[in-house]
Protein backbone atom coordinates (compact mmCIF):
# COMPACT_ATOMS: atom_id res chain seq x y z
CA MET A 1 -83.30 7.21 -0.48
CA ILE A 2 -83.72 4.71 1.62
CA SER A 3 -85.61 2.10 0.59
CA ARG A 4 -88.12 -0.69 2.55
CA ASP A 5 -86.28 -3.43 1.16
CA SER A 6 -82.74 -1.92 1.68
CA ILE A 7 -83.35 -2.20 5.20
CA GLU A 8 -85.05 -5.19 5.61
CA SER A 9 -82.58 -6.75 3.65
CA ALA A 10 -79.80 -5.22 5.86
CA TYR A 11 -81.63 -6.15 9.18
CA SER A 12 -82.39 -9.83 7.51
CA PHE A 13 -78.70 -10.14 7.51
CA PHE A 14 -77.29 -8.95 10.64
CA HIS A 15 -80.18 -10.31 12.78
CA GLN A 16 -78.64 -14.00 11.19
CA LYS A 17 -74.86 -13.35 11.50
CA TRP A 18 -75.56 -11.43 14.94
CA ASN A 19 -77.23 -14.55 16.59
CA VAL A 20 -74.61 -17.01 15.06
CA PHE A 21 -71.94 -14.79 16.28
CA ARG A 22 -73.19 -13.86 19.55
CA HIS A 23 -73.37 -17.50 20.26
CA SER A 24 -70.56 -18.99 18.84
CA ALA A 25 -67.04 -20.26 20.85
CA MET A 26 -65.47 -21.08 17.32
CA GLU A 27 -62.99 -17.72 16.86
CA TRP A 28 -62.83 -18.80 12.96
CA GLN A 29 -66.87 -18.53 12.87
CA LYS A 30 -66.74 -14.99 14.31
CA ASP A 31 -63.82 -13.86 12.07
CA ASP A 32 -65.95 -15.13 8.95
CA ILE A 33 -69.22 -13.63 10.06
CA GLU A 34 -66.88 -10.03 10.80
CA TYR A 35 -65.92 -10.56 7.10
CA ALA A 36 -69.18 -10.90 5.55
CA ILE A 37 -69.97 -8.21 7.80
CA GLY A 38 -67.62 -6.10 6.32
CA GLN A 39 -67.87 -6.99 3.42
CA TYR A 40 -71.61 -6.14 3.73
CA VAL A 41 -71.59 -2.82 4.73
CA ASP A 42 -69.00 -1.20 1.86
CA ASP A 43 -72.01 -2.54 -0.30
CA MET A 44 -75.21 -1.55 1.34
CA ASN A 45 -77.45 1.93 1.13
CA PRO A 46 -74.88 5.00 1.96
CA GLU A 47 -77.54 6.76 3.45
CA LEU A 48 -78.46 3.57 5.64
CA TYR A 49 -75.00 3.37 6.93
CA ALA A 50 -74.96 6.55 7.21
CA ILE A 51 -77.73 6.55 9.91
CA ILE A 52 -77.07 3.44 11.79
CA SER A 53 -73.39 4.16 11.84
CA LYS A 54 -73.95 7.82 13.22
CA GLY A 55 -71.29 9.07 10.82
CA ASN A 56 -68.67 6.39 11.97
CA PRO A 57 -66.39 5.32 8.97
CA ASP A 58 -65.37 2.15 11.28
CA PHE A 59 -68.84 1.35 12.31
CA MET A 60 -68.48 -3.24 11.89
CA LYS A 61 -65.44 -3.02 10.49
CA LEU A 62 -63.46 -3.39 13.90
CA HIS A 63 -62.51 -6.15 15.50
CA SER A 64 -62.07 -4.19 18.94
CA ALA A 65 -66.21 -3.04 18.71
CA PHE A 66 -67.61 -5.17 16.74
CA ALA A 67 -69.77 -7.12 18.81
CA ILE A 68 -71.01 -3.79 20.27
CA ASP A 69 -71.70 -2.11 16.33
CA MET A 70 -73.80 -5.40 15.87
CA GLU A 71 -75.63 -5.26 18.17
CA SER A 72 -76.38 -1.53 17.77
CA ALA A 73 -77.00 -2.24 14.24
CA VAL A 74 -79.71 -4.47 14.90
CA SER A 75 -81.26 -2.54 17.39
CA GLN A 76 -81.42 0.30 14.75
CA LEU A 77 -82.80 -1.67 11.91
CA GLU A 78 -85.64 -3.15 14.55
CA THR A 79 -86.65 0.34 15.12
CA LEU A 80 -86.27 1.67 11.82
CA LEU A 81 -88.32 -1.46 10.22
CA GLY A 82 -90.99 -0.32 13.04
CA SER A 83 -91.86 2.81 11.78
CA LEU A 84 -92.40 2.34 8.55
CA PRO A 85 -95.68 2.78 6.93
CA GLY A 86 -97.56 -0.77 7.39
CA ALA A 87 -95.32 -1.59 10.42
CA THR A 88 -97.83 -3.50 12.46
CA ALA A 89 -97.49 -3.66 16.25
CA SER A 90 -97.05 -7.58 15.37
CA ASN A 91 -94.23 -6.78 13.08
CA SER A 92 -92.51 -3.71 14.22
CA THR A 93 -90.70 -5.53 16.64
CA LEU A 94 -88.53 -8.95 14.53
CA ALA A 95 -87.03 -12.04 16.58
């Protein structure tokens, strides 16, 4: 089962890292973010990972696809948050 907390935690972590990653000009910082995300996805809720990865075991783990995967993950998690019971127009799209 995927809890609301699992979705919110993943979204918060990915959203923060994505915002730093996409604006960073420092390769070492981007590498550190890729490493942190790789560690996170290894330990995250496996059902949630299966949904956002669409079954791709390398999702958010390959350098060559990392930026595309991160953008996709943040978008999917945002959509999931908006579809949860109790979500309103004001909190369904987080920025």
